[in-house]
């Protein structure tokens, strides 16, 4: 599904896992939120989401250094792109019905959020 498709409607059918890789941070905030809400709508109860990408910043927006650097890059490359904070991701995921949200760092330095849909 295209990046635009994830913001308009959920995919058809029900799935156990939704992966959003390098999608959220290139979207304006309202579409970033919609992409996570729509991912939840296409999951089976207990299904999982994995959101991976570069540029996630801490809530104070001062780190990690690569996230801050990419925030400047996204602001210049994408009309509405930016590095969203951990708090923003957690709020959107919680609103969508996800619980047990975790943030980790992948071996390549990018961020991975994982969570399970309640129900």
PDB file of N, CA and C in Angstrom:
ATOM      1  N   UNK A   1       0.847  -1.169   0.000  1.00  0.00           N
ATOM      2  CA  UNK A   1       0.000   0.000   0.000  1.00  0.00           C
ATOM      3  C   UNK A   1       0.892   1.231   0.000  1.00  0.00           C
ATOM      4  N   UNK A   2       0.516   2.229  -0.698  1.00  0.00           N
ATOM      5  CA  UNK A   2       1.304   3.451  -0.761  1.00  0.00           C
ATOM      6  C   UNK A   2       1.220   4.208   0.557  1.00  0.00           C
ATOM      7  N   UNK A   3       2.132   5.145   0.746  1.00  0.00           N
ATOM      8  CA  UNK A   3       2.097   5.965   1.955  1.00  0.00           C
ATOM      9  C   UNK A   3       0.783   6.716   2.046  1.00  0.00           C
ATOM     10  N   UNK A   4       0.302   7.226   0.922  1.00  0.00           N
ATOM     11  CA  UNK A   4      -0.974   7.934   0.926  1.00  0.00           C
ATOM     12  C   UNK A   4      -2.101   6.980   1.296  1.00  0.00           C
ATOM     13  N   UNK A   5      -2.043   5.748   0.806  1.00  0.00           N
ATOM     14  CA  UNK A   5      -3.073   4.772   1.092  1.00  0.00           C
ATOM     15  C   UNK A   5      -3.213   4.470   2.571  1.00  0.00           C
ATOM     16  N   UNK A   6      -2.131   4.478   3.296  1.00  0.00           N
ATOM     17  CA  UNK A   6      -2.201   4.175   4.722  1.00  0.00           C
ATOM     18  C   UNK A   6      -2.896   5.267   5.508  1.00  0.00           C
ATOM     19  N   UNK A   7      -2.994   6.461   4.926  1.00  0.00           N
ATOM     20  CA  UNK A   7      -3.621   7.557   5.654  1.00  0.00           C
ATOM     21  C   UNK A   7      -5.096   7.727   5.317  1.00  0.00           C
ATOM     22  N   UNK A   8      -5.553   7.130   4.232  1.00  0.00           N
ATOM     23  CA  UNK A   8      -6.929   7.297   3.782  1.00  0.00           C
ATOM     24  C   UNK A   8      -7.856   6.234   4.369  1.00  0.00           C
ATOM     25  N   UNK A   9      -7.413   4.988   4.370  1.00  0.00           N
ATOM     26  CA  UNK A   9      -8.243   3.883   4.844  1.00  0.00           C
ATOM     27  C   UNK A   9      -7.353   2.707   5.201  1.00  0.00           C
ATOM     28  N   UNK A  10      -7.844   1.822   6.077  1.00  0.00           N
ATOM     29  CA  UNK A  10      -7.051   0.634   6.396  1.00  0.00           C
ATOM     30  C   UNK A  10      -7.008  -0.317   5.210  1.00  0.00           C
ATOM     31  N   UNK A  11      -6.031  -1.205   5.218  1.00  0.00           N
ATOM     32  CA  UNK A  11      -5.957  -2.196   4.149  1.00  0.00           C
ATOM     33  C   UNK A  11      -7.141  -3.145   4.258  1.00  0.00           C
ATOM     34  N   UNK A  12      -7.394  -3.878   3.219  1.00  0.00           N
ATOM     35  CA  UNK A  12      -8.508  -4.825   3.203  1.00  0.00           C
ATOM     36  C   UNK A  12      -8.082  -6.099   3.917  1.00  0.00           C
ATOM     37  N   UNK A  13      -8.977  -6.653   4.689  1.00  0.00           N
ATOM     38  CA  UNK A  13      -8.691  -7.885   5.404  1.00  0.00           C
ATOM     39  C   UNK A  13      -8.129  -7.620   6.787  1.00  0.00           C
ATOM     40  N   UNK A  14      -7.907  -8.713   7.496  1.00  0.00           N
ATOM     41  CA  UNK A  14      -7.360  -8.642   8.854  1.00  0.00           C
ATOM     42  C   UNK A  14      -6.005  -9.326   8.876  1.00  0.00           C
ATOM     43  N   UNK A  15      -5.086  -8.756   9.628  1.00  0.00           N
ATOM     44  CA  UNK A  15      -3.722  -9.238   9.662  1.00  0.00           C
ATOM     45  C   UNK A  15      -3.240  -9.371  11.102  1.00  0.00           C
ATOM     46  N   UNK A  16      -2.192 -10.157  11.290  1.00  0.00           N
ATOM     47  CA  UNK A  16      -1.604 -10.341  12.613  1.00  0.00           C
ATOM     48  C   UNK A  16      -0.513  -9.315  12.902  1.00  0.00           C
ATOM     49  N   UNK A  17       0.040  -8.733  11.847  1.00  0.00           N
ATOM     50  CA  UNK A  17       1.148  -7.798  12.008  1.00  0.00           C
ATOM     51  C   UNK A  17       1.042  -6.679  10.981  1.00  0.00           C
ATOM     52  N   UNK A  18       1.249  -5.460  11.446  1.00  0.00           N
ATOM     53  CA  UNK A  18       1.339  -4.296  10.548  1.00  0.00           C
ATOM     54  C   UNK A  18       2.724  -3.700  10.719  1.00  0.00           C
ATOM     55  N   UNK A  19       3.412  -3.479   9.603  1.00  0.00           N
ATOM     56  CA  UNK A  19       4.742  -2.899   9.630  1.00  0.00           C
ATOM     57  C   UNK A  19       4.699  -1.554   8.911  1.00  0.00           C
ATOM     58  N   UNK A  20       5.110  -0.522   9.608  1.00  0.00           N
ATOM     59  CA  UNK A  20       5.228   0.809   9.011  1.00  0.00           C
ATOM     60  C   UNK A  20       6.704   1.171   9.080  1.00  0.00           C
ATOM     61  N   UNK A  21       7.416   0.972   7.991  1.00  0.00           N
ATOM     62  CA  UNK A  21       8.852   1.249   7.949  1.00  0.00           C
ATOM     63  C   UNK A  21       9.093   2.502   7.116  1.00  0.00           C
ATOM     64  N   UNK A  22       9.725   3.479   7.737  1.00  0.00           N
ATOM     65  CA  UNK A  22      10.077   4.735   7.070  1.00  0.00           C
ATOM     66  C   UNK A  22       8.859   5.407   6.442  1.00  0.00           C
ATOM     67  N   UNK A  23       7.745   5.387   7.161  1.00  0.00           N
ATOM     68  CA  UNK A  23       6.507   5.991   6.667  1.00  0.00           C
ATOM     69  C   UNK A  23       6.102   7.190   7.524  1.00  0.00           C
ATOM     70  N   UNK A  24       5.992   6.967   8.807  1.00  0.00           N
ATOM     71  CA  UNK A  24       5.397   7.958   9.699  1.00  0.00           C
ATOM     72  C   UNK A  24       6.121   9.298   9.636  1.00  0.00           C
ATOM     73  N   UNK A  25       7.436   9.285   9.655  1.00  0.00           N
ATOM     74  CA  UNK A  25       8.183  10.538   9.763  1.00  0.00           C
ATOM     75  C   UNK A  25       8.198  11.387   8.500  1.00  0.00           C
ATOM     76  N   UNK A  26       7.705  10.876   7.397  1.00  0.00           N
ATOM     77  CA  UNK A  26       7.647  11.701   6.176  1.00  0.00           C
ATOM     78  C   UNK A  26       6.243  12.250   5.933  1.00  0.00           C
ATOM     79  N   UNK A  27       5.365  12.064   6.899  1.00  0.00           N
ATOM     80  CA  UNK A  27       3.982  12.521   6.779  1.00  0.00           C
ATOM     81  C   UNK A  27       3.716  13.687   7.729  1.00  0.00           C
ATOM     82  N   UNK A  28       2.772  14.553   7.369  1.00  0.00           N
ATOM     83  CA  UNK A  28       2.355  15.579   8.325  1.00  0.00           C
ATOM     84  C   UNK A  28       1.719  14.898   9.537  1.00  0.00           C
ATOM     85  N   UNK A  29       1.669  15.561  10.673  1.00  0.00           N
ATOM     86  CA  UNK A  29       1.169  14.932  11.894  1.00  0.00           C
ATOM     87  C   UNK A  29      -0.206  14.269  11.771  1.00  0.00           C
ATOM     88  N   UNK A  30      -1.158  14.913  11.104  1.00  0.00           N
ATOM     89  CA  UNK A  30      -2.494  14.322  10.985  1.00  0.00           C
ATOM     90  C   UNK A  30      -2.463  13.024  10.176  1.00  0.00           C
ATOM     91  N   UNK A  31      -1.643  12.966   9.130  1.00  0.00           N
ATOM     92  CA  UNK A  31      -1.542  11.744   8.342  1.00  0.00           C
ATOM     93  C   UNK A  31      -0.709  10.686   9.055  1.00  0.00           C
ATOM     94  N   UNK A  32       0.288  11.106   9.819  1.00  0.00           N
ATOM     95  CA  UNK A  32       1.070  10.156  10.616  1.00  0.00           C
ATOM     96  C   UNK A  32       0.142   9.455  11.608  1.00  0.00           C
ATOM     97  N   UNK A  33      -0.686  10.236  12.271  1.00  0.00           N
ATOM     98  CA  UNK A  33      -1.675   9.686  13.211  1.00  0.00           C
ATOM     99  C   UNK A  33      -2.620   8.738  12.490  1.00  0.00           C
ATOM    100  N   UNK A  34      -3.137   9.158  11.331  1.00  0.00           N
ATOM    101  CA  UNK A  34      -4.069   8.319  10.565  1.00  0.00           C
ATOM    102  C   UNK A  34      -3.441   7.005  10.130  1.00  0.00           C
ATOM    103  N   UNK A  35      -2.171   7.037   9.773  1.00  0.00           N
ATOM    104  CA  UNK A  35      -1.526   5.798   9.335  1.00  0.00           C
ATOM    105  C   UNK A  35      -1.483   4.783  10.474  1.00  0.00           C
ATOM    106  N   UNK A  36      -1.263   5.247  11.692  1.00  0.00           N
ATOM    107  CA  UNK A  36      -1.240   4.340  12.842  1.00  0.00           C
ATOM    108  C   UNK A  36      -2.648   3.873  13.184  1.00  0.00           C
ATOM    109  N   UNK A  37      -3.626   4.772  13.139  1.00  0.00           N
ATOM    110  CA  UNK A  37      -5.017   4.378  13.395  1.00  0.00           C
ATOM    111  C   UNK A  37      -5.491   3.344  12.378  1.00  0.00           C
ATOM    112  N   UNK A  38      -5.155   3.548  11.103  1.00  0.00           N
ATOM    113  CA  UNK A  38      -5.570   2.605  10.066  1.00  0.00           C
ATOM    114  C   UNK A  38      -4.841   1.266  10.182  1.00  0.00           C
ATOM    115  N   UNK A  39      -3.603   1.301  10.617  1.00  0.00           N
ATOM    116  CA  UNK A  39      -2.888   0.039  10.852  1.00  0.00           C
ATOM    117  C   UNK A  39      -3.625  -0.769  11.912  1.00  0.00           C
ATOM    118  N   UNK A  40      -4.085  -0.109  12.961  1.00  0.00           N
ATOM    119  CA  UNK A  40      -4.822  -0.811  14.020  1.00  0.00           C
ATOM    120  C   UNK A  40      -6.125  -1.398  13.498  1.00  0.00           C
ATOM    121  N   UNK A  41      -6.790  -0.685  12.599  1.00  0.00           N
ATOM    122  CA  UNK A  41      -8.084  -1.135  12.073  1.00  0.00           C
ATOM    123  C   UNK A  41      -7.962  -2.388  11.202  1.00  0.00           C
ATOM    124  N   UNK A  42      -6.775  -2.682  10.716  1.00  0.00           N
ATOM    125  CA  UNK A  42      -6.617  -3.864   9.861  1.00  0.00           C
ATOM    126  C   UNK A  42      -6.031  -5.057  10.611  1.00  0.00           C
ATOM    127  N   UNK A  43      -5.854  -4.913  11.920  1.00  0.00           N
ATOM    128  CA  UNK A  43      -5.274  -6.001  12.705  1.00  0.00           C
ATOM    129  C   UNK A  43      -6.335  -6.842  13.400  1.00  0.00           C
ATOM    130  N   UNK A  44      -6.011  -8.101  13.585  1.00  0.00           N
ATOM    131  CA  UNK A  44      -6.848  -8.980  14.395  1.00  0.00           C
ATOM    132  C   UNK A  44      -6.654  -8.600  15.857  1.00  0.00           C
ATOM    133  N   UNK A  45      -7.597  -8.917  16.728  1.00  0.00           N
ATOM    134  CA  UNK A  45      -7.395  -8.650  18.158  1.00  0.00           C
ATOM    135  C   UNK A  45      -6.106  -9.338  18.623  1.00  0.00           C
ATOM    136  N   UNK A  46      -5.282  -8.612  19.342  1.00  0.00           N
ATOM    137  CA  UNK A  46      -4.004  -9.147  19.788  1.00  0.00           C
ATOM    138  C   UNK A  46      -2.898  -9.014  18.760  1.00  0.00           C
ATOM    139  N   UNK A  47      -3.228  -8.462  17.575  1.00  0.00           N
ATOM    140  CA  UNK A  47      -2.225  -8.266  16.533  1.00  0.00           C
ATOM    141  C   UNK A  47      -1.184  -7.249  16.961  1.00  0.00           C
ATOM    142  N   UNK A  48      -0.081  -7.242  16.254  1.00  0.00           N
ATOM    143  CA  UNK A  48       1.027  -6.366  16.618  1.00  0.00           C
ATOM    144  C   UNK A  48       1.320  -5.336  15.537  1.00  0.00           C
ATOM    145  N   UNK A  49       1.904  -4.236  15.972  1.00  0.00           N
ATOM    146  CA  UNK A  49       2.399  -3.221  15.061  1.00  0.00           C
ATOM    147  C   UNK A  49       3.896  -3.068  15.298  1.00  0.00           C
ATOM    148  N   UNK A  50       4.616  -2.827  14.223  1.00  0.00           N
ATOM    149  CA  UNK A  50       6.041  -2.507  14.290  1.00  0.00           C
ATOM    150  C   UNK A  50       6.246  -1.253  13.456  1.00  0.00           C
ATOM    151  N   UNK A  51       6.734  -0.216  14.091  1.00  0.00           N
ATOM    152  CA  UNK A  51       7.010   1.044  13.401  1.00  0.00           C
ATOM    153  C   UNK A  51       8.511   1.269  13.487  1.00  0.00           C
ATOM    154  N   UNK A  52       9.157   1.278  12.345  1.00  0.00           N
ATOM    155  CA  UNK A  52      10.616   1.430  12.314  1.00  0.00           C
ATOM    156  C   UNK A  52      11.009   2.589  11.427  1.00  0.00           C
ATOM    157  N   UNK A  53      12.067   3.246  11.817  1.00  0.00           N
ATOM    158  CA  UNK A  53      12.572   4.326  10.989  1.00  0.00           C
ATOM    159  C   UNK A  53      13.590   5.162  11.720  1.00  0.00           C
ATOM    160  N   UNK A  54      14.119   6.088  10.997  1.00  0.00           N
ATOM    161  CA  UNK A  54      15.108   7.016  11.519  1.00  0.00           C
ATOM    162  C   UNK A  54      14.425   8.283  11.965  1.00  0.00           C
ATOM    163  N   UNK A  55      15.063   8.996  12.845  1.00  0.00           N
ATOM    164  CA  UNK A  55      14.626  10.345  13.154  1.00  0.00           C
ATOM    165  C   UNK A  55      13.698  10.503  14.331  1.00  0.00           C
ATOM    166  N   UNK A  56      13.453   9.461  15.095  1.00  0.00           N
ATOM    167  CA  UNK A  56      12.641   9.631  16.298  1.00  0.00           C
ATOM    168  C   UNK A  56      13.474  10.417  17.312  1.00  0.00           C
ATOM    169  N   UNK A  57      12.861  11.395  17.936  1.00  0.00           N
ATOM    170  CA  UNK A  57      13.580  12.183  18.927  1.00  0.00           C
ATOM    171  C   UNK A  57      12.948  12.002  20.303  1.00  0.00           C
ATOM    172  N   UNK A  58      13.768  12.247  21.330  1.00  0.00           N
ATOM    173  CA  UNK A  58      13.274  12.204  22.694  1.00  0.00           C
ATOM    174  C   UNK A  58      12.265  13.338  22.882  1.00  0.00           C
ATOM    175  N   UNK A  59      11.468  13.237  23.931  1.00  0.00           N
ATOM    176  CA  UNK A  59      10.416  14.236  24.138  1.00  0.00           C
ATOM    177  C   UNK A  59      10.954  15.659  24.277  1.00  0.00           C
ATOM    178  N   UNK A  60      12.178  15.822  24.755  1.00  0.00           N
ATOM    179  CA  UNK A  60      12.750  17.167  24.868  1.00  0.00           C
ATOM    180  C   UNK A  60      13.346  17.672  23.549  1.00  0.00           C
ATOM    181  N   UNK A  61      13.325  16.816  22.501  1.00  0.00           N
ATOM    182  CA  UNK A  61      13.820  17.117  21.161  1.00  0.00           C
ATOM    183  C   UNK A  61      15.319  17.438  21.111  1.00  0.00           C
ATOM    184  N   UNK A  62      16.064  17.053  22.146  1.00  0.00           N
ATOM    185  CA  UNK A  62      17.497  17.328  22.203  1.00  0.00           C
ATOM    186  C   UNK A  62      18.344  16.103  21.875  1.00  0.00           C
ATOM    187  N   UNK A  63      17.747  14.978  21.690  1.00  0.00           N
ATOM    188  CA  UNK A  63      18.512  13.770  21.389  1.00  0.00           C
ATOM    189  C   UNK A  63      17.569  12.700  20.902  1.00  0.00           C
ATOM    190  N   UNK A  64      18.082  11.590  20.453  1.00  0.00           N
ATOM    191  CA  UNK A  64      19.496  11.329  20.227  1.00  0.00           C
ATOM    192  C   UNK A  64      20.019  12.182  19.067  1.00  0.00           C
ATOM    193  N   UNK A  65      21.343  12.346  18.978  1.00  0.00           N
ATOM    194  CA  UNK A  65      21.916  13.251  17.967  1.00  0.00           C
ATOM    195  C   UNK A  65      21.459  12.963  16.539  1.00  0.00           C
ATOM    196  N   UNK A  66      21.401  11.678  16.160  1.00  0.00           N
ATOM    197  CA  UNK A  66      20.984  11.371  14.783  1.00  0.00           C
ATOM    198  C   UNK A  66      19.527  11.743  14.541  1.00  0.00           C
ATOM    199  N   UNK A  67      18.684  11.651  15.568  1.00  0.00           N
ATOM    200  CA  UNK A  67      17.289  12.056  15.438  1.00  0.00           C
ATOM    201  C   UNK A  67      17.160  13.555  15.230  1.00  0.00           C
ATOM    202  N   UNK A  68      17.953  14.310  15.964  1.00  0.00           N
ATOM    203  CA  UNK A  68      17.939  15.770  15.822  1.00  0.00           C
ATOM    204  C   UNK A  68      18.429  16.155  14.423  1.00  0.00           C
ATOM    205  N   UNK A  69      19.507  15.533  13.973  1.00  0.00           N
ATOM    206  CA  UNK A  69      20.033  15.808  12.634  1.00  0.00           C
ATOM    207  C   UNK A  69      18.984  15.488  11.571  1.00  0.00           C
ATOM    208  N   UNK A  70      18.351  14.322  11.700  1.00  0.00           N
ATOM    209  CA  UNK A  70      17.343  13.943  10.704  1.00  0.00           C
ATOM    210  C   UNK A  70      16.121  14.841  10.759  1.00  0.00           C
ATOM    211  N   UNK A  71      15.806  15.371  11.929  1.00  0.00           N
ATOM    212  CA  UNK A  71      14.694  16.308  12.021  1.00  0.00           C
ATOM    213  C   UNK A  71      14.959  17.505  11.110  1.00  0.00           C
ATOM    214  N   UNK A  72      16.168  18.022  11.140  1.00  0.00           N
ATOM    215  CA  UNK A  72      16.525  19.138  10.247  1.00  0.00           C
ATOM    216  C   UNK A  72      16.441  18.707   8.792  1.00  0.00           C
ATOM    217  N   UNK A  73      16.878  17.484   8.510  1.00  0.00           N
ATOM    218  CA  UNK A  73      16.827  16.962   7.141  1.00  0.00           C
ATOM    219  C   UNK A  73      15.385  16.821   6.675  1.00  0.00           C
ATOM    220  N   UNK A  74      14.539  16.182   7.484  1.00  0.00           N
ATOM    221  CA  UNK A  74      13.139  15.975   7.111  1.00  0.00           C
ATOM    222  C   UNK A  74      12.425  17.301   6.881  1.00  0.00           C
ATOM    223  N   UNK A  75      12.718  18.284   7.725  1.00  0.00           N
ATOM    224  CA  UNK A  75      12.078  19.591   7.575  1.00  0.00           C
ATOM    225  C   UNK A  75      12.436  20.242   6.248  1.00  0.00           C
ATOM    226  N   UNK A  76      13.607  19.917   5.735  1.00  0.00           N
ATOM    227  CA  UNK A  76      14.050  20.498   4.466  1.00  0.00           C
ATOM    228  C   UNK A  76      13.665  19.664   3.250  1.00  0.00           C
ATOM    229  N   UNK A  77      13.498  18.353   3.410  1.00  0.00           N
ATOM    230  CA  UNK A  77      13.198  17.483   2.273  1.00  0.00           C
ATOM    231  C   UNK A  77      11.707  17.251   2.038  1.00  0.00           C
ATOM    232  N   UNK A  78      10.953  17.179   3.111  1.00  0.00           N
ATOM    233  CA  UNK A  78       9.533  16.844   3.000  1.00  0.00           C
ATOM    234  C   UNK A  78       8.709  18.041   3.439  1.00  0.00           C
ATOM    235  N   UNK A  79       7.666  18.286   2.713  1.00  0.00           N
ATOM    236  CA  UNK A  79       6.861  19.472   2.997  1.00  0.00           C
ATOM    237  C   UNK A  79       6.399  19.524   4.452  1.00  0.00           C
ATOM    238  N   UNK A  80       5.976  18.388   4.978  1.00  0.00           N
ATOM    239  CA  UNK A  80       5.494  18.365   6.361  1.00  0.00           C
ATOM    240  C   UNK A  80       6.250  17.348   7.210  1.00  0.00           C
ATOM    241  N   UNK A  81       7.352  16.841   6.698  1.00  0.00           N
ATOM    242  CA  UNK A  81       8.085  15.818   7.428  1.00  0.00           C
ATOM    243  C   UNK A  81       8.805  16.379   8.634  1.00  0.00           C
ATOM    244  N   UNK A  82       8.881  15.577   9.658  1.00  0.00           N
ATOM    245  CA  UNK A  82       9.651  15.952  10.830  1.00  0.00           C
ATOM    246  C   UNK A  82       9.897  14.709  11.666  1.00  0.00           C
ATOM    247  N   UNK A  83      10.843  14.826  12.561  1.00  0.00           N
ATOM    248  CA  UNK A  83      11.091  13.748  13.501  1.00  0.00           C
ATOM    249  C   UNK A  83      10.113  13.910  14.656  1.00  0.00           C
ATOM    250  N   UNK A  84       9.226  12.966  14.806  1.00  0.00           N
ATOM    251  CA  UNK A  84       8.267  13.040  15.896  1.00  0.00           C
ATOM    252  C   UNK A  84       8.881  12.509  17.176  1.00  0.00           C
ATOM    253  N   UNK A  85       8.336  12.931  18.283  1.00  0.00           N
ATOM    254  CA  UNK A  85       8.870  12.532  19.581  1.00  0.00           C
ATOM    255  C   UNK A  85       8.311  11.171  20.003  1.00  0.00           C
ATOM    256  N   UNK A  86       9.008  10.580  20.945  1.00  0.00           N
ATOM    257  CA  UNK A  86       8.521   9.321  21.504  1.00  0.00           C
ATOM    258  C   UNK A  86       7.112   9.503  22.054  1.00  0.00           C
ATOM    259  N   UNK A  87       6.869  10.622  22.723  1.00  0.00           N
ATOM    260  CA  UNK A  87       5.545  10.885  23.282  1.00  0.00           C
ATOM    261  C   UNK A  87       4.458  10.951  22.227  1.00  0.00           C
ATOM    262  N   UNK A  88       4.769  11.540  21.064  1.00  0.00           N
ATOM    263  CA  UNK A  88       3.790  11.600  19.983  1.00  0.00           C
ATOM    264  C   UNK A  88       3.460  10.195  19.477  1.00  0.00           C
ATOM    265  N   UNK A  89       4.483   9.386  19.244  1.00  0.00           N
ATOM    266  CA  UNK A  89       4.242   8.009  18.805  1.00  0.00           C
ATOM    267  C   UNK A  89       3.397   7.262  19.827  1.00  0.00           C
ATOM    268  N   UNK A  90       3.758   7.372  21.095  1.00  0.00           N
ATOM    269  CA  UNK A  90       3.013   6.658  22.143  1.00  0.00           C
ATOM    270  C   UNK A  90       1.565   7.128  22.227  1.00  0.00           C
ATOM    271  N   UNK A  91       1.336   8.424  22.081  1.00  0.00           N
ATOM    272  CA  UNK A  91      -0.036   8.953  22.131  1.00  0.00           C
ATOM    273  C   UNK A  91      -0.863   8.421  20.960  1.00  0.00           C
ATOM    274  N   UNK A  92      -0.301   8.448  19.753  1.00  0.00           N
ATOM    275  CA  UNK A  92      -1.027   7.947  18.582  1.00  0.00           C
ATOM    276  C   UNK A  92      -1.295   6.450  18.718  1.00  0.00           C
ATOM    277  N   UNK A  93      -0.326   5.705  19.197  1.00  0.00           N
ATOM    278  CA  UNK A  93      -0.494   4.255  19.341  1.00  0.00           C
ATOM    279  C   UNK A  93      -1.514   3.933  20.429  1.00  0.00           C
ATOM    280  N   UNK A  94      -1.479   4.662  21.531  1.00  0.00           N
ATOM    281  CA  UNK A  94      -2.451   4.455  22.607  1.00  0.00           C
ATOM    282  C   UNK A  94      -3.859   4.780  22.122  1.00  0.00           C
ATOM    283  N   UNK A  95      -4.013   5.887  21.406  1.00  0.00           N
ATOM    284  CA  UNK A  95      -5.317   6.259  20.843  1.00  0.00           C
ATOM    285  C   UNK A  95      -5.858   5.161  19.927  1.00  0.00           C
ATOM    286  N   UNK A  96      -4.970   4.502  19.202  1.00  0.00           N
ATOM    287  CA  UNK A  96      -5.376   3.445  18.268  1.00  0.00           C
ATOM    288  C   UNK A  96      -5.701   2.135  18.982  1.00  0.00           C
ATOM    289  N   UNK A  97      -5.440   2.056  20.282  1.00  0.00           N
ATOM    290  CA  UNK A  97      -5.774   0.848  21.034  1.00  0.00           C
ATOM    291  C   UNK A  97      -4.598  -0.064  21.313  1.00  0.00           C
ATOM    292  N   UNK A  98      -3.390   0.406  21.075  1.00  0.00           N
ATOM    293  CA  UNK A  98      -2.208  -0.417  21.333  1.00  0.00           C
ATOM    294  C   UNK A  98      -1.775  -0.290  22.783  1.00  0.00           C
ATOM    295  N   UNK A  99      -1.256  -1.401  23.307  1.00  0.00           N
ATOM    296  CA  UNK A  99      -0.737  -1.454  24.670  1.00  0.00           C
ATOM    297  C   UNK A  99       0.640  -2.118  24.639  1.00  0.00           C
ATOM    298  N   UNK A 100       1.294  -2.080  25.775  1.00  0.00           N
ATOM    299  CA  UNK A 100       2.638  -2.675  25.897  1.00  0.00           C
ATOM    300  C   UNK A 100       3.575  -2.090  24.839  1.00  0.00           C
ATOM    301  N   UNK A 101       3.563  -0.790  24.713  1.00  0.00           N
ATOM    302  CA  UNK A 101       4.384  -0.101  23.713  1.00  0.00           C
ATOM    303  C   UNK A 101       5.835  -0.088  24.180  1.00  0.00           C
ATOM    304  N   UNK A 102       6.713  -0.507  23.297  1.00  0.00           N
ATOM    305  CA  UNK A 102       8.142  -0.468  23.620  1.00  0.00           C
ATOM    306  C   UNK A 102       8.893   0.264  22.527  1.00  0.00           C
ATOM    307  N   UNK A 103       9.973   0.904  22.932  1.00  0.00           N
ATOM    308  CA  UNK A 103      10.881   1.580  21.994  1.00  0.00           C
ATOM    309  C   UNK A 103      12.258   0.961  22.159  1.00  0.00           C
ATOM    310  N   UNK A 104      12.839   0.551  21.056  1.00  0.00           N
ATOM    311  CA  UNK A 104      14.192   0.001  21.097  1.00  0.00           C
ATOM    312  C   UNK A 104      14.977   0.532  19.906  1.00  0.00           C
ATOM    313  N   UNK A 105      16.246   0.248  19.942  1.00  0.00           N
ATOM    314  CA  UNK A 105      17.136   0.700  18.874  1.00  0.00           C
ATOM    315  C   UNK A 105      17.607  -0.516  18.097  1.00  0.00           C
ATOM    316  N   UNK A 106      17.475  -0.472  16.791  1.00  0.00           N
ATOM    317  CA  UNK A 106      17.919  -1.562  15.934  1.00  0.00           C
ATOM    318  C   UNK A 106      19.433  -1.466  15.718  1.00  0.00           C
ATOM    319  N   UNK A 107      20.063  -2.567  15.291  1.00  0.00           N
ATOM    320  CA  UNK A 107      21.518  -2.547  15.089  1.00  0.00           C
ATOM    321  C   UNK A 107      22.004  -1.443  14.149  1.00  0.00           C
ATOM    322  N   UNK A 108      21.177  -1.022  13.199  1.00  0.00           N
ATOM    323  CA  UNK A 108      21.601   0.039  12.279  1.00  0.00           C
ATOM    324  C   UNK A 108      21.424   1.442  12.873  1.00  0.00           C
ATOM    325  N   UNK A 109      20.907   1.520  14.107  1.00  0.00           N
ATOM    326  CA  UNK A 109      20.722   2.803  14.779  1.00  0.00           C
ATOM    327  C   UNK A 109      19.327   3.376  14.669  1.00  0.00           C
ATOM    328  N   UNK A 110      18.478   2.798  13.828  1.00  0.00           N
ATOM    329  CA  UNK A 110      17.108   3.300  13.699  1.00  0.00           C
ATOM    330  C   UNK A 110      16.274   2.852  14.906  1.00  0.00           C
ATOM    331  N   UNK A 111      15.111   3.442  15.027  1.00  0.00           N
ATOM    332  CA  UNK A 111      14.219   3.169  16.151  1.00  0.00           C
ATOM    333  C   UNK A 111      13.137   2.179  15.749  1.00  0.00           C
ATOM    334  N   UNK A 112      12.760   1.337  16.701  1.00  0.00           N
ATOM    335  CA  UNK A 112      11.658   0.400  16.506  1.00  0.00           C
ATOM    336  C   UNK A 112      10.679   0.542  17.660  1.00  0.00           C
ATOM    337  N   UNK A 113       9.433   0.850  17.320  1.00  0.00           N
ATOM    338  CA  UNK A 113       8.337   0.802  18.287  1.00  0.00           C
ATOM    339  C   UNK A 113       7.562  -0.474  18.017  1.00  0.00           C
ATOM    340  N   UNK A 114       7.233  -1.189  19.082  1.00  0.00           N
ATOM    341  CA  UNK A 114       6.380  -2.382  18.955  1.00  0.00           C
ATOM    342  C   UNK A 114       5.268  -2.280  19.979  1.00  0.00           C
ATOM    343  N   UNK A 115       4.108  -2.823  19.626  1.00  0.00           N
ATOM    344  CA  UNK A 115       2.977  -2.823  20.535  1.00  0.00           C
ATOM    345  C   UNK A 115       1.968  -3.874  20.095  1.00  0.00           C
ATOM    346  N   UNK A 116       1.079  -4.193  21.003  1.00  0.00           N
ATOM    347  CA  UNK A 116       0.033  -5.185  20.748  1.00  0.00           C
ATOM    348  C   UNK A 116      -1.330  -4.488  20.858  1.00  0.00           C
ATOM    349  N   UNK A 117      -2.224  -4.853  19.928  1.00  0.00           N
ATOM    350  CA  UNK A 117      -3.572  -4.296  19.930  1.00  0.00           C
ATOM    351  C   UNK A 117      -4.412  -4.999  20.984  1.00  0.00           C
ATOM    352  N   UNK A 118      -5.090  -4.227  21.794  1.00  0.00           N
ATOM    353  CA  UNK A 118      -5.948  -4.829  22.813  1.00  0.00           C
ATOM    354  C   UNK A 118      -7.169  -5.450  22.157  1.00  0.00           C
ATOM    355  N   UNK A 119      -7.777  -6.359  22.878  1.00  0.00           N
ATOM    356  CA  UNK A 119      -9.012  -6.939  22.351  1.00  0.00           C
ATOM    357  C   UNK A 119      -8.966  -8.329  22.112  1.00  0.00           C
TER     358      UNK A 119
END
